[in-house]
Amino acid sequence: QVQLVESGGGLVLSGDSLRLSCTASGRSVSVSVMGWFRQAPGKERELVAAISWSGVSTNYAGSVRGRFTISRDNAKNTVLLQMNSLKPEDTAVYYCALSTSGTIWSPLSAYDYWGQGTQVTVSS
């Protein structure tokens, strides 16, 4: 049993920043990759960023590269997403996910556990 809990979402203005946090708890697992995904109304869920749990490898969606930064704290079983220069098109429900065997290049199907999601709304 693994639980992922996200926090840090909210309502902000264009150009503002938010930091999302995701902490894993429960039964211990061997973490390969953790990632952030987002889903806007009427759109498919998409990868925002992923980070390997060993080494220092990251993968970002082109739409957020240069604005968002994913980081990890292995000791605390936590992954963070620093979001800067937010735009209205970033509005979505953001989900934290954990893969026990995938890579930073893996699709959604490689992720074994998912958080409940946290709403991020950016107004113009």
PDB file of N, CA and C in Angstrom:
ATOM      1  N   GLN A   1       0.838  -1.180   0.000  1.00  0.00           N
ATOM      2  CA  GLN A   1       0.000   0.000   0.000  1.00  0.00           C
ATOM      3  C   GLN A   1       0.876   1.233   0.000  1.00  0.00           C
ATOM      4  N   VAL A   2       0.723   2.042  -1.058  1.00  0.00           N
ATOM      5  CA  VAL A   2       1.472   3.279  -1.200  1.00  0.00           C
ATOM      6  C   VAL A   2       0.486   4.412  -1.433  1.00  0.00           C
ATOM      7  N   GLN A   3       0.670   5.480  -0.709  1.00  0.00           N
ATOM      8  CA  GLN A   3      -0.159   6.658  -0.878  1.00  0.00           C
ATOM      9  C   GLN A   3       0.695   7.843  -1.304  1.00  0.00           C
ATOM     10  N   LEU A   4       0.216   8.590  -2.290  1.00  0.00           N
ATOM     11  CA  LEU A   4       0.861   9.806  -2.739  1.00  0.00           C
ATOM     12  C   LEU A   4      -0.083  10.964  -2.451  1.00  0.00           C
ATOM     13  N   VAL A   5       0.409  11.969  -1.757  1.00  0.00           N
ATOM     14  CA  VAL A   5      -0.409  13.105  -1.384  1.00  0.00           C
ATOM     15  C   VAL A   5       0.230  14.385  -1.898  1.00  0.00           C
ATOM     16  N   GLU A   6      -0.521  15.107  -2.744  1.00  0.00           N
ATOM     17  CA  GLU A   6      -0.050  16.372  -3.289  1.00  0.00           C
ATOM     18  C   GLU A   6      -0.555  17.537  -2.447  1.00  0.00           C
ATOM     19  N   SER A   7       0.189  18.624  -2.483  1.00  0.00           N
ATOM     20  CA  SER A   7      -0.233  19.852  -1.839  1.00  0.00           C
ATOM     21  C   SER A   7       0.400  21.025  -2.565  1.00  0.00           C
ATOM     22  N   GLY A   8      -0.133  22.218  -2.343  1.00  0.00           N
ATOM     23  CA  GLY A   8       0.458  23.423  -2.891  1.00  0.00           C
ATOM     24  C   GLY A   8      -0.310  24.076  -4.017  1.00  0.00           C
ATOM     25  N   GLY A   9      -1.365  23.445  -4.491  1.00  0.00           N
ATOM     26  CA  GLY A   9      -2.160  24.042  -5.552  1.00  0.00           C
ATOM     27  C   GLY A   9      -2.930  25.248  -5.043  1.00  0.00           C
ATOM     28  N   GLY A  10      -3.487  26.001  -5.983  1.00  0.00           N
ATOM     29  CA  GLY A  10      -4.254  27.171  -5.601  1.00  0.00           C
ATOM     30  C   GLY A  10      -4.573  28.049  -6.785  1.00  0.00           C
ATOM     31  N   LEU A  11      -5.071  29.235  -6.477  1.00  0.00           N
ATOM     32  CA  LEU A  11      -5.450  30.232  -7.477  1.00  0.00           C
ATOM     33  C   LEU A  11      -4.431  31.359  -7.464  1.00  0.00           C
ATOM     34  N   VAL A  12      -3.826  31.616  -8.615  1.00  0.00           N
ATOM     35  CA  VAL A  12      -2.809  32.663  -8.721  1.00  0.00           C
ATOM     36  C   VAL A  12      -3.032  33.467  -9.987  1.00  0.00           C
ATOM     37  N   LEU A  13      -2.300  34.573 -10.089  1.00  0.00           N
ATOM     38  CA  LEU A  13      -2.350  35.423 -11.269  1.00  0.00           C
ATOM     39  C   LEU A  13      -1.255  35.055 -12.254  1.00  0.00           C
ATOM     40  N   SER A  14      -1.459  35.413 -13.500  1.00  0.00           N
ATOM     41  CA  SER A  14      -0.435  35.206 -14.510  1.00  0.00           C
ATOM     42  C   SER A  14       0.882  35.827 -14.058  1.00  0.00           C
ATOM     43  N   GLY A  15       1.965  35.073 -14.227  1.00  0.00           N
ATOM     44  CA  GLY A  15       3.273  35.534 -13.824  1.00  0.00           C
ATOM     45  C   GLY A  15       3.682  35.127 -12.425  1.00  0.00           C
ATOM     46  N   ASP A  16       2.730  34.652 -11.637  1.00  0.00           N
ATOM     47  CA  ASP A  16       3.024  34.229 -10.268  1.00  0.00           C
ATOM     48  C   ASP A  16       3.687  32.856 -10.243  1.00  0.00           C
ATOM     49  N   SER A  17       4.065  32.437  -9.043  1.00  0.00           N
ATOM     50  CA  SER A  17       4.727  31.153  -8.846  1.00  0.00           C
ATOM     51  C   SER A  17       3.983  30.303  -7.829  1.00  0.00           C
ATOM     52  N   LEU A  18       4.109  29.005  -7.971  1.00  0.00           N
ATOM     53  CA  LEU A  18       3.596  28.038  -7.016  1.00  0.00           C
ATOM     54  C   LEU A  18       4.604  26.907  -6.878  1.00  0.00           C
ATOM     55  N   ARG A  19       4.615  26.284  -5.718  1.00  0.00           N
ATOM     56  CA  ARG A  19       5.415  25.094  -5.516  1.00  0.00           C
ATOM     57  C   ARG A  19       4.506  23.951  -5.086  1.00  0.00           C
ATOM     58  N   LEU A  20       4.488  22.898  -5.885  1.00  0.00           N
ATOM     59  CA  LEU A  20       3.728  21.709  -5.559  1.00  0.00           C
ATOM     60  C   LEU A  20       4.629  20.705  -4.859  1.00  0.00           C
ATOM     61  N   SER A  21       4.065  19.996  -3.907  1.00  0.00           N
ATOM     62  CA  SER A  21       4.803  18.995  -3.166  1.00  0.00           C
ATOM     63  C   SER A  21       4.034  17.683  -3.189  1.00  0.00           C
ATOM     64  N   CYS A  22       4.753  16.589  -3.276  1.00  0.00           N
ATOM     65  CA  CYS A  22       4.152  15.264  -3.254  1.00  0.00           C
ATOM     66  C   CYS A  22       4.981  14.373  -2.346  1.00  0.00           C
ATOM     67  N   THR A  23       4.335  13.769  -1.370  1.00  0.00           N
ATOM     68  CA  THR A  23       5.013  12.888  -0.435  1.00  0.00           C
ATOM     69  C   THR A  23       4.420  11.491  -0.485  1.00  0.00           C
ATOM     70  N   ALA A  24       5.284  10.496  -0.610  1.00  0.00           N
ATOM     71  CA  ALA A  24       4.861   9.105  -0.625  1.00  0.00           C
ATOM     72  C   ALA A  24       4.930   8.536   0.779  1.00  0.00           C
ATOM     73  N   SER A  25       3.949   7.731   1.123  1.00  0.00           N
ATOM     74  CA  SER A  25       3.922   7.095   2.428  1.00  0.00           C
ATOM     75  C   SER A  25       3.321   5.705   2.319  1.00  0.00           C
ATOM     76  N   GLY A  26       3.393   4.964   3.413  1.00  0.00           N
ATOM     77  CA  GLY A  26       2.864   3.617   3.430  1.00  0.00           C
ATOM     78  C   GLY A  26       3.963   2.591   3.226  1.00  0.00           C
ATOM     79  N   ARG A  27       3.597   1.488   2.587  1.00  0.00           N
ATOM     80  CA  ARG A  27       4.547   0.416   2.368  1.00  0.00           C
ATOM     81  C   ARG A  27       5.709   0.873   1.500  1.00  0.00           C
ATOM     82  N   SER A  28       6.907   0.454   1.867  1.00  0.00           N
ATOM     83  CA  SER A  28       8.088   0.857   1.124  1.00  0.00           C
ATOM     84  C   SER A  28       8.071   0.256  -0.275  1.00  0.00           C
ATOM     85  N   VAL A  29       8.547   1.032  -1.228  1.00  0.00           N
ATOM     86  CA  VAL A  29       8.651   0.590  -2.610  1.00  0.00           C
ATOM     87  C   VAL A  29      10.010   0.988  -3.157  1.00  0.00           C
ATOM     88  N   SER A  30      10.404   0.338  -4.222  1.00  0.00           N
ATOM     89  CA  SER A  30      11.630   0.690  -4.912  1.00  0.00           C
ATOM     90  C   SER A  30      11.280   1.696  -5.997  1.00  0.00           C
ATOM     91  N   VAL A  31      11.646   2.941  -5.786  1.00  0.00           N
ATOM     92  CA  VAL A  31      11.272   4.014  -6.696  1.00  0.00           C
ATOM     93  C   VAL A  31      12.283   4.128  -7.830  1.00  0.00           C
ATOM     94  N   SER A  32      11.777   4.080  -9.048  1.00  0.00           N
ATOM     95  CA  SER A  32      12.610   4.302 -10.222  1.00  0.00           C
ATOM     96  C   SER A  32      12.487   5.744 -10.706  1.00  0.00           C
ATOM     97  N   VAL A  33      11.239   6.207 -10.835  1.00  0.00           N
ATOM     98  CA  VAL A  33      10.955   7.541 -11.350  1.00  0.00           C
ATOM     99  C   VAL A  33       9.723   8.105 -10.656  1.00  0.00           C
ATOM    100  N   MET A  34       9.724   9.390 -10.398  1.00  0.00           N
ATOM    101  CA  MET A  34       8.514  10.083 -10.000  1.00  0.00           C
ATOM    102  C   MET A  34       8.268  11.218 -10.978  1.00  0.00           C
ATOM    103  N   GLY A  35       7.005  11.498 -11.211  1.00  0.00           N
ATOM    104  CA  GLY A  35       6.667  12.509 -12.188  1.00  0.00           C
ATOM    105  C   GLY A  35       5.447  13.316 -11.809  1.00  0.00           C
ATOM    106  N   TRP A  36       5.302  14.433 -12.491  1.00  0.00           N
ATOM    107  CA  TRP A  36       4.119  15.263 -12.386  1.00  0.00           C
ATOM    108  C   TRP A  36       3.390  15.257 -13.725  1.00  0.00           C
ATOM    109  N   PHE A  37       2.088  15.055 -13.679  1.00  0.00           N
ATOM    110  CA  PHE A  37       1.229  15.104 -14.849  1.00  0.00           C
ATOM    111  C   PHE A  37       0.144  16.138 -14.611  1.00  0.00           C
ATOM    112  N   ARG A  38      -0.487  16.594 -15.674  1.00  0.00           N
ATOM    113  CA  ARG A  38      -1.598  17.514 -15.523  1.00  0.00           C
ATOM    114  C   ARG A  38      -2.678  17.203 -16.538  1.00  0.00           C
ATOM    115  N   GLN A  39      -3.906  17.552 -16.186  1.00  0.00           N
ATOM    116  CA  GLN A  39      -5.037  17.327 -17.064  1.00  0.00           C
ATOM    117  C   GLN A  39      -5.992  18.509 -16.976  1.00  0.00           C
ATOM    118  N   ALA A  40      -6.175  19.172 -18.093  1.00  0.00           N
ATOM    119  CA  ALA A  40      -7.124  20.271 -18.197  1.00  0.00           C
ATOM    120  C   ALA A  40      -8.456  19.731 -18.695  1.00  0.00           C
ATOM    121  N   PRO A  41      -9.552  20.436 -18.426  1.00  0.00           N
ATOM    122  CA  PRO A  41     -10.873  19.977 -18.877  1.00  0.00           C
ATOM    123  C   PRO A  41     -10.900  19.722 -20.377  1.00  0.00           C
ATOM    124  N   GLY A  42     -11.391  18.555 -20.767  1.00  0.00           N
ATOM    125  CA  GLY A  42     -11.511  18.213 -22.166  1.00  0.00           C
ATOM    126  C   GLY A  42     -10.226  17.786 -22.842  1.00  0.00           C
ATOM    127  N   LYS A  43      -9.136  17.694 -22.101  1.00  0.00           N
ATOM    128  CA  LYS A  43      -7.856  17.314 -22.665  1.00  0.00           C
ATOM    129  C   LYS A  43      -7.323  16.051 -21.996  1.00  0.00           C
ATOM    130  N   GLU A  44      -6.409  15.383 -22.683  1.00  0.00           N
ATOM    131  CA  GLU A  44      -5.791  14.188 -22.136  1.00  0.00           C
ATOM    132  C   GLU A  44      -4.743  14.549 -21.096  1.00  0.00           C
ATOM    133  N   ARG A  45      -4.513  13.615 -20.181  1.00  0.00           N
ATOM    134  CA  ARG A  45      -3.482  13.814 -19.182  1.00  0.00           C
ATOM    135  C   ARG A  45      -2.113  13.801 -19.864  1.00  0.00           C
ATOM    136  N   GLU A  46      -1.255  14.742 -19.493  1.00  0.00           N
ATOM    137  CA  GLU A  46       0.043  14.860 -20.125  1.00  0.00           C
ATOM    138  C   GLU A  46       1.157  14.964 -19.093  1.00  0.00           C
ATOM    139  N   LEU A  47       2.323  14.496 -19.477  1.00  0.00           N
ATOM    140  CA  LEU A  47       3.495  14.594 -18.621  1.00  0.00           C
ATOM    141  C   LEU A  47       3.953  16.044 -18.537  1.00  0.00           C
ATOM    142  N   VAL A  48       4.215  16.505 -17.327  1.00  0.00           N
ATOM    143  CA  VAL A  48       4.785  17.823 -17.103  1.00  0.00           C
ATOM    144  C   VAL A  48       6.291  17.714 -16.884  1.00  0.00           C
ATOM    145  N   ALA A  49       6.682  16.845 -15.962  1.00  0.00           N
ATOM    146  CA  ALA A  49       8.090  16.647 -15.651  1.00  0.00           C
ATOM    147  C   ALA A  49       8.273  15.318 -14.953  1.00  0.00           C
ATOM    148  N   ALA A  50       9.444  14.725 -15.119  1.00  0.00           N
ATOM    149  CA  ALA A  50       9.781  13.476 -14.456  1.00  0.00           C
ATOM    150  C   ALA A  50      11.215  13.543 -13.968  1.00  0.00           C
ATOM    151  N   ILE A  51      11.490  12.821 -12.896  1.00  0.00           N
ATOM    152  CA  ILE A  51      12.833  12.797 -12.334  1.00  0.00           C
ATOM    153  C   ILE A  51      13.171  11.396 -11.870  1.00  0.00           C
ATOM    154  N   SER A  52      14.387  10.955 -12.160  1.00  0.00           N
ATOM    155  CA  SER A  52      14.838   9.652 -11.709  1.00  0.00           C
ATOM    156  C   SER A  52      15.169   9.695 -10.227  1.00  0.00           C
ATOM    157  N   TRP A  53      15.029   8.529  -9.560  1.00  0.00           N
ATOM    158  CA  TRP A  53      15.281   8.487  -8.122  1.00  0.00           C
ATOM    159  C   TRP A  53      16.724   8.178  -7.778  1.00  0.00           C
ATOM    160  N   SER A  54      17.481   7.769  -8.739  1.00  0.00           N
ATOM    161  CA  SER A  54      18.923   7.633  -8.602  1.00  0.00           C
ATOM    162  C   SER A  54      19.565   8.386  -9.755  1.00  0.00           C
ATOM    163  N   GLY A  55      20.735   8.929  -9.517  1.00  0.00           N
ATOM    164  CA  GLY A  55      21.305   9.790 -10.518  1.00  0.00           C
ATOM    165  C   GLY A  55      20.576  11.129 -10.542  1.00  0.00           C
ATOM    166  N   VAL A  56      20.807  11.908 -11.579  1.00  0.00           N
ATOM    167  CA  VAL A  56      20.183  13.216 -11.697  1.00  0.00           C
ATOM    168  C   VAL A  56      19.695  13.394 -13.130  1.00  0.00           C
ATOM    169  N   SER A  57      18.594  12.737 -13.463  1.00  0.00           N
ATOM    170  CA  SER A  57      18.018  12.825 -14.798  1.00  0.00           C
ATOM    171  C   SER A  57      16.614  13.398 -14.719  1.00  0.00           C
ATOM    172  N   THR A  58      16.298  14.318 -15.607  1.00  0.00           N
ATOM    173  CA  THR A  58      14.981  14.943 -15.646  1.00  0.00           C
ATOM    174  C   THR A  58      14.464  15.004 -17.066  1.00  0.00           C
ATOM    175  N   ASN A  59      13.144  15.097 -17.192  1.00  0.00           N
ATOM    176  CA  ASN A  59      12.477  15.236 -18.473  1.00  0.00           C
ATOM    177  C   ASN A  59      11.336  16.226 -18.299  1.00  0.00           C
ATOM    178  N   TYR A  60      11.253  17.214 -19.184  1.00  0.00           N
ATOM    179  CA  TYR A  60      10.223  18.247 -19.110  1.00  0.00           C
ATOM    180  C   TYR A  60       9.431  18.324 -20.402  1.00  0.00           C
ATOM    181  N   ALA A  61       8.153  18.618 -20.262  1.00  0.00           N
ATOM    182  CA  ALA A  61       7.355  18.939 -21.429  1.00  0.00           C
ATOM    183  C   ALA A  61       7.857  20.249 -22.021  1.00  0.00           C
ATOM    184  N   GLY A  62       7.815  20.353 -23.341  1.00  0.00           N
ATOM    185  CA  GLY A  62       8.299  21.555 -23.995  1.00  0.00           C
ATOM    186  C   GLY A  62       7.580  22.813 -23.548  1.00  0.00           C
ATOM    187  N   SER A  63       6.311  22.682 -23.187  1.00  0.00           N
ATOM    188  CA  SER A  63       5.513  23.833 -22.802  1.00  0.00           C
ATOM    189  C   SER A  63       5.908  24.423 -21.450  1.00  0.00           C
ATOM    190  N   VAL A  64       6.650  23.662 -20.636  1.00  0.00           N
ATOM    191  CA  VAL A  64       7.031  24.145 -19.312  1.00  0.00           C
ATOM    192  C   VAL A  64       8.533  24.271 -19.137  1.00  0.00           C
ATOM    193  N   ARG A  65       9.299  23.774 -20.077  1.00  0.00           N
ATOM    194  CA  ARG A  65      10.742  23.817 -19.977  1.00  0.00           C
ATOM    195  C   ARG A  65      11.225  25.257 -19.842  1.00  0.00           C
ATOM    196  N   GLY A  66      12.072  25.491 -18.851  1.00  0.00           N
ATOM    197  CA  GLY A  66      12.567  26.827 -18.578  1.00  0.00           C
ATOM    198  C   GLY A  66      11.755  27.586 -17.561  1.00  0.00           C
ATOM    199  N   ARG A  67      10.530  27.133 -17.290  1.00  0.00           N
ATOM    200  CA  ARG A  67       9.669  27.768 -16.294  1.00  0.00           C
ATOM    201  C   ARG A  67       9.467  26.909 -15.057  1.00  0.00           C
ATOM    202  N   PHE A  68       9.384  25.605 -15.238  1.00  0.00           N
ATOM    203  CA  PHE A  68       9.155  24.674 -14.135  1.00  0.00           C
ATOM    204  C   PHE A  68      10.437  23.923 -13.806  1.00  0.00           C
ATOM    205  N   THR A  69      10.598  23.568 -12.534  1.00  0.00           N
ATOM    206  CA  THR A  69      11.733  22.782 -12.092  1.00  0.00           C
ATOM    207  C   THR A  69      11.259  21.664 -11.178  1.00  0.00           C
ATOM    208  N   ILE A  70      11.619  20.436 -11.516  1.00  0.00           N
ATOM    209  CA  ILE A  70      11.290  19.301 -10.676  1.00  0.00           C
ATOM    210  C   ILE A  70      12.511  18.951  -9.832  1.00  0.00           C
ATOM    211  N   SER A  71      12.285  18.599  -8.582  1.00  0.00           N
ATOM    212  CA  SER A  71      13.373  18.214  -7.702  1.00  0.00           C
ATOM    213  C   SER A  71      12.888  17.125  -6.756  1.00  0.00           C
ATOM    214  N   ARG A  72      13.799  16.528  -6.050  1.00  0.00           N
ATOM    215  CA  ARG A  72      13.454  15.410  -5.180  1.00  0.00           C
ATOM    216  C   ARG A  72      14.184  15.503  -3.850  1.00  0.00           C
ATOM    217  N   ASP A  73      13.631  14.815  -2.868  1.00  0.00           N
ATOM    218  CA  ASP A  73      14.277  14.619  -1.585  1.00  0.00           C
ATOM    219  C   ASP A  73      14.075  13.155  -1.239  1.00  0.00           C
ATOM    220  N   ASN A  74      15.047  12.330  -1.591  1.00  0.00           N
ATOM    221  CA  ASN A  74      14.912  10.884  -1.423  1.00  0.00           C
ATOM    222  C   ASN A  74      14.649  10.487   0.033  1.00  0.00           C
ATOM    223  N   ALA A  75      15.343  11.149   0.960  1.00  0.00           N
ATOM    224  CA  ALA A  75      15.199  10.811   2.373  1.00  0.00           C
ATOM    225  C   ALA A  75      13.789  11.057   2.884  1.00  0.00           C
ATOM    226  N   LYS A  76      13.113  12.047   2.321  1.00  0.00           N
ATOM    227  CA  LYS A  76      11.758  12.390   2.747  1.00  0.00           C
ATOM    228  C   LYS A  76      10.687  11.814   1.830  1.00  0.00           C
ATOM    229  N   ASN A  77      11.108  11.031   0.832  1.00  0.00           N
ATOM    230  CA  ASN A  77      10.172  10.453  -0.139  1.00  0.00           C
ATOM    231  C   ASN A  77       9.283  11.521  -0.750  1.00  0.00           C
ATOM    232  N   THR A  78       9.898  12.623  -1.134  1.00  0.00           N
ATOM    233  CA  THR A  78       9.165  13.783  -1.603  1.00  0.00           C
ATOM    234  C   THR A  78       9.687  14.263  -2.952  1.00  0.00           C
ATOM    235  N   VAL A  79       8.768  14.661  -3.813  1.00  0.00           N
ATOM    236  CA  VAL A  79       9.121  15.290  -5.075  1.00  0.00           C
ATOM    237  C   VAL A  79       8.426  16.642  -5.142  1.00  0.00           C
ATOM    238  N   LEU A  80       9.140  17.642  -5.634  1.00  0.00           N
ATOM    239  CA  LEU A  80       8.627  18.997  -5.704  1.00  0.00           C
ATOM    240  C   LEU A  80       8.534  19.456  -7.151  1.00  0.00           C
ATOM    241  N   LEU A  81       7.619  20.364  -7.407  1.00  0.00           N
ATOM    242  CA  LEU A  81       7.523  21.008  -8.706  1.00  0.00           C
ATOM    243  C   LEU A  81       7.420  22.509  -8.477  1.00  0.00           C
ATOM    244  N   GLN A  82       8.501  23.217  -8.761  1.00  0.00           N
ATOM    245  CA  GLN A  82       8.507  24.665  -8.675  1.00  0.00           C
ATOM    246  C   GLN A  82       8.014  25.222  -9.997  1.00  0.00           C
ATOM    247  N   MET A  83       6.929  25.976  -9.959  1.00  0.00           N
ATOM    248  CA  MET A  83       6.314  26.518 -11.163  1.00  0.00           C
ATOM    249  C   MET A  83       6.426  28.035 -11.138  1.00  0.00           C
ATOM    250  N   ASN A  84       7.177  28.583 -12.079  1.00  0.00           N
ATOM    251  CA  ASN A  84       7.360  30.021 -12.195  1.00  0.00           C
ATOM    252  C   ASN A  84       6.725  30.531 -13.479  1.00  0.00           C
ATOM    253  N   SER A  85       6.501  31.834 -13.520  1.00  0.00           N
ATOM    254  CA  SER A  85       5.939  32.484 -14.707  1.00  0.00           C
ATOM    255  C   SER A  85       4.694  31.771 -15.203  1.00  0.00           C
ATOM    256  N   LEU A  86       3.787  31.494 -14.299  1.00  0.00           N
ATOM    257  CA  LEU A  86       2.591  30.732 -14.636  1.00  0.00           C
ATOM    258  C   LEU A  86       1.713  31.475 -15.634  1.00  0.00           C
ATOM    259  N   LYS A  87       1.099  30.704 -16.516  1.00  0.00           N
ATOM    260  CA  LYS A  87       0.228  31.216 -17.561  1.00  0.00           C
ATOM    261  C   LYS A  87      -1.154  30.593 -17.427  1.00  0.00           C
ATOM    262  N   PRO A  88      -2.187  31.251 -17.955  1.00  0.00           N
ATOM    263  CA  PRO A  88      -3.530  30.658 -17.894  1.00  0.00           C
ATOM    264  C   PRO A  88      -3.584  29.250 -18.485  1.00  0.00           C
ATOM    265  N   GLU A  89      -2.796  28.973 -19.508  1.00  0.00           N
ATOM    266  CA  GLU A  89      -2.795  27.653 -20.107  1.00  0.00           C
ATOM    267  C   GLU A  89      -2.188  26.574 -19.219  1.00  0.00           C
ATOM    268  N   ASP A  90      -1.597  26.968 -18.087  1.00  0.00           N
ATOM    269  CA  ASP A  90      -1.116  26.000 -17.109  1.00  0.00           C
ATOM    270  C   ASP A  90      -2.231  25.506 -16.195  1.00  0.00           C
ATOM    271  N   THR A  91      -3.402  26.108 -16.291  1.00  0.00           N
ATOM    272  CA  THR A  91      -4.526  25.712 -15.452  1.00  0.00           C
ATOM    273  C   THR A  91      -4.899  24.259 -15.704  1.00  0.00           C
ATOM    274  N   ALA A  92      -4.913  23.469 -14.647  1.00  0.00           N
ATOM    275  CA  ALA A  92      -5.201  22.041 -14.760  1.00  0.00           C
ATOM    276  C   ALA A  92      -5.188  21.416 -13.374  1.00  0.00           C
ATOM    277  N   VAL A  93      -5.608  20.165 -13.313  1.00  0.00           N
ATOM    278  CA  VAL A  93      -5.392  19.364 -12.122  1.00  0.00           C
ATOM    279  C   VAL A  93      -4.033  18.697 -12.284  1.00  0.00           C
ATOM    280  N   TYR A  94      -3.183  18.863 -11.298  1.00  0.00           N
ATOM    281  CA  TYR A  94      -1.835  18.315 -11.348  1.00  0.00           C
ATOM    282  C   TYR A  94      -1.759  17.062 -10.490  1.00  0.00           C
ATOM    283  N   TYR A  95      -1.220  15.999 -11.069  1.00  0.00           N
ATOM    284  CA  TYR A  95      -1.118  14.712 -10.399  1.00  0.00           C
ATOM    285  C   TYR A  95       0.332  14.301 -10.209  1.00  0.00           C
ATOM    286  N   CYS A  96       0.632  13.803  -9.043  1.00  0.00           N
ATOM    287  CA  CYS A  96       1.915  13.186  -8.753  1.00  0.00           C
ATOM    288  C   CYS A  96       1.812  11.694  -9.035  1.00  0.00           C
ATOM    289  N   ALA A  97       2.868  11.108  -9.576  1.00  0.00           N
ATOM    290  CA  ALA A  97       2.855   9.685  -9.892  1.00  0.00           C
ATOM    291  C   ALA A  97       4.218   9.063  -9.628  1.00  0.00           C
ATOM    292  N   LEU A  98       4.196   7.764  -9.343  1.00  0.00           N
ATOM    293  CA  LEU A  98       5.410   7.014  -9.020  1.00  0.00           C
ATOM    294  C   LEU A  98       5.486   5.769  -9.878  1.00  0.00           C
ATOM    295  N   SER A  99       6.654   5.541 -10.465  1.00  0.00           N
ATOM    296  CA  SER A  99       6.906   4.340 -11.243  1.00  0.00           C
ATOM    297  C   SER A  99       7.985   3.524 -10.564  1.00  0.00           C
ATOM    298  N   THR A 100       7.742   2.234 -10.414  1.00  0.00           N
ATOM    299  CA  THR A 100       8.721   1.359  -9.781  1.00  0.00           C
ATOM    300  C   THR A 100       9.733   0.796 -10.762  1.00  0.00           C
ATOM    301  N   SER A 101       9.473   0.944 -12.059  1.00  0.00           N
ATOM    302  CA  SER A 101      10.345   0.316 -13.044  1.00  0.00           C
ATOM    303  C   SER A 101      10.609   1.143 -14.298  1.00  0.00           C
ATOM    304  N   GLY A 102       9.974   2.291 -14.446  1.00  0.00           N
ATOM    305  CA  GLY A 102      10.093   3.077 -15.659  1.00  0.00           C
ATOM    306  C   GLY A 102      11.307   3.978 -15.680  1.00  0.00           C
ATOM    307  N   THR A 103      11.359   4.798 -16.725  1.00  0.00           N
ATOM    308  CA  THR A 103      12.390   5.811 -16.877  1.00  0.00           C
ATOM    309  C   THR A 103      11.732   7.167 -17.010  1.00  0.00           C
ATOM    310  N   ILE A 104      12.544   8.214 -17.059  1.00  0.00           N
ATOM    311  CA  ILE A 104      11.995   9.564 -17.217  1.00  0.00           C
ATOM    312  C   ILE A 104      11.336   9.742 -18.573  1.00  0.00           C
ATOM    313  N   TRP A 105      11.563   8.814 -19.477  1.00  0.00           N
ATOM    314  CA  TRP A 105      10.970   8.872 -20.814  1.00  0.00           C
ATOM    315  C   TRP A 105       9.711   8.015 -20.945  1.00  0.00           C
ATOM    316  N   SER A 106       9.315   7.338 -19.880  1.00  0.00           N
ATOM    317  CA  SER A 106       8.193   6.423 -19.936  1.00  0.00           C
ATOM    318  C   SER A 106       6.856   7.149 -20.010  1.00  0.00           C
ATOM    319  N   PRO A 107       5.858   6.520 -20.650  1.00  0.00           N
ATOM    320  CA  PRO A 107       4.513   7.093 -20.730  1.00  0.00           C
ATOM    321  C   PRO A 107       3.716   6.853 -19.453  1.00  0.00           C
ATOM    322  N   LEU A 108       2.475   7.334 -19.432  1.00  0.00           N
ATOM    323  CA  LEU A 108       1.610   7.200 -18.264  1.00  0.00           C
ATOM    324  C   LEU A 108       1.479   5.768 -17.783  1.00  0.00           C
ATOM    325  N   SER A 109       1.441   4.818 -18.716  1.00  0.00           N
ATOM    326  CA  SER A 109       1.211   3.427 -18.379  1.00  0.00           C
ATOM    327  C   SER A 109       2.311   2.827 -17.510  1.00  0.00           C
ATOM    328  N   ALA A 110       3.471   3.458 -17.454  1.00  0.00           N
ATOM    329  CA  ALA A 110       4.578   2.949 -16.661  1.00  0.00           C
ATOM    330  C   ALA A 110       4.482   3.337 -15.189  1.00  0.00           C
ATOM    331  N   TYR A 111       3.550   4.203 -14.851  1.00  0.00           N
ATOM    332  CA  TYR A 111       3.424   4.666 -13.475  1.00  0.00           C
ATOM    333  C   TYR A 111       2.436   3.808 -12.701  1.00  0.00           C
ATOM    334  N   ASP A 112       2.862   3.377 -11.529  1.00  0.00           N
ATOM    335  CA  ASP A 112       2.118   2.400 -10.751  1.00  0.00           C
ATOM    336  C   ASP A 112       1.198   3.014  -9.698  1.00  0.00           C
ATOM    337  N   TYR A 113       1.553   4.168  -9.199  1.00  0.00           N
ATOM    338  CA  TYR A 113       0.783   4.819  -8.143  1.00  0.00           C
ATOM    339  C   TYR A 113       0.545   6.279  -8.495  1.00  0.00           C
ATOM    340  N   TRP A 114      -0.639   6.761  -8.121  1.00  0.00           N
ATOM    341  CA  TRP A 114      -1.049   8.122  -8.439  1.00  0.00           C
ATOM    342  C   TRP A 114      -1.632   8.826  -7.230  1.00  0.00           C
ATOM    343  N   GLY A 115      -1.379  10.121  -7.139  1.00  0.00           N
ATOM    344  CA  GLY A 115      -2.007  10.930  -6.122  1.00  0.00           C
ATOM    345  C   GLY A 115      -3.410  11.323  -6.528  1.00  0.00           C
ATOM    346  N   GLN A 116      -4.095  12.033  -5.651  1.00  0.00           N
ATOM    347  CA  GLN A 116      -5.486  12.415  -5.899  1.00  0.00           C
ATOM    348  C   GLN A 116      -5.619  13.650  -6.777  1.00  0.00           C
ATOM    349  N   GLY A 117      -4.539  14.380  -6.960  1.00  0.00           N
ATOM    350  CA  GLY A 117      -4.548  15.576  -7.773  1.00  0.00           C
ATOM    351  C   GLY A 117      -4.743  16.836  -6.957  1.00  0.00           C
ATOM    352  N   THR A 118      -4.168  17.927  -7.431  1.00  0.00           N
ATOM    353  CA  THR A 118      -4.346  19.222  -6.806  1.00  0.00           C
ATOM    354  C   THR A 118      -4.607  20.254  -7.899  1.00  0.00           C
ATOM    355  N   GLN A 119      -5.580  21.112  -7.674  1.00  0.00           N
ATOM    356  CA  GLN A 119      -6.005  22.073  -8.686  1.00  0.00           C
ATOM    357  C   GLN A 119      -5.078  23.281  -8.718  1.00  0.00           C
ATOM    358  N   VAL A 120      -4.635  23.638  -9.913  1.00  0.00           N
ATOM    359  CA  VAL A 120      -3.890  24.866 -10.143  1.00  0.00           C
ATOM    360  C   VAL A 120      -4.681  25.708 -11.127  1.00  0.00           C
ATOM    361  N   THR A 121      -5.033  26.911 -10.713  1.00  0.00           N
ATOM    362  CA  THR A 121      -5.783  27.819 -11.565  1.00  0.00           C
ATOM    363  C   THR A 121      -5.013  29.121 -11.709  1.00  0.00           C
ATOM    364  N   VAL A 122      -4.771  29.528 -12.949  1.00  0.00           N
ATOM    365  CA  VAL A 122      -4.024  30.746 -13.241  1.00  0.00           C
ATOM    366  C   VAL A 122      -4.942  31.692 -13.997  1.00  0.00           C
ATOM    367  N   SER A 123      -5.212  32.839 -13.421  1.00  0.00           N
ATOM    368  CA  SER A 123      -6.090  33.822 -14.038  1.00  0.00           C
ATOM    369  C   SER A 123      -5.278  34.929 -14.685  1.00  0.00           C
ATOM    370  N   SER A 124      -5.825  35.505 -15.745  1.00  0.00           N
ATOM    371  CA  SER A 124      -5.162  36.578 -16.462  1.00  0.00           C
ATOM    372  C   SER A 124      -5.555  37.929 -15.926  1.00  0.00           C
TER     373      SER A 124
END
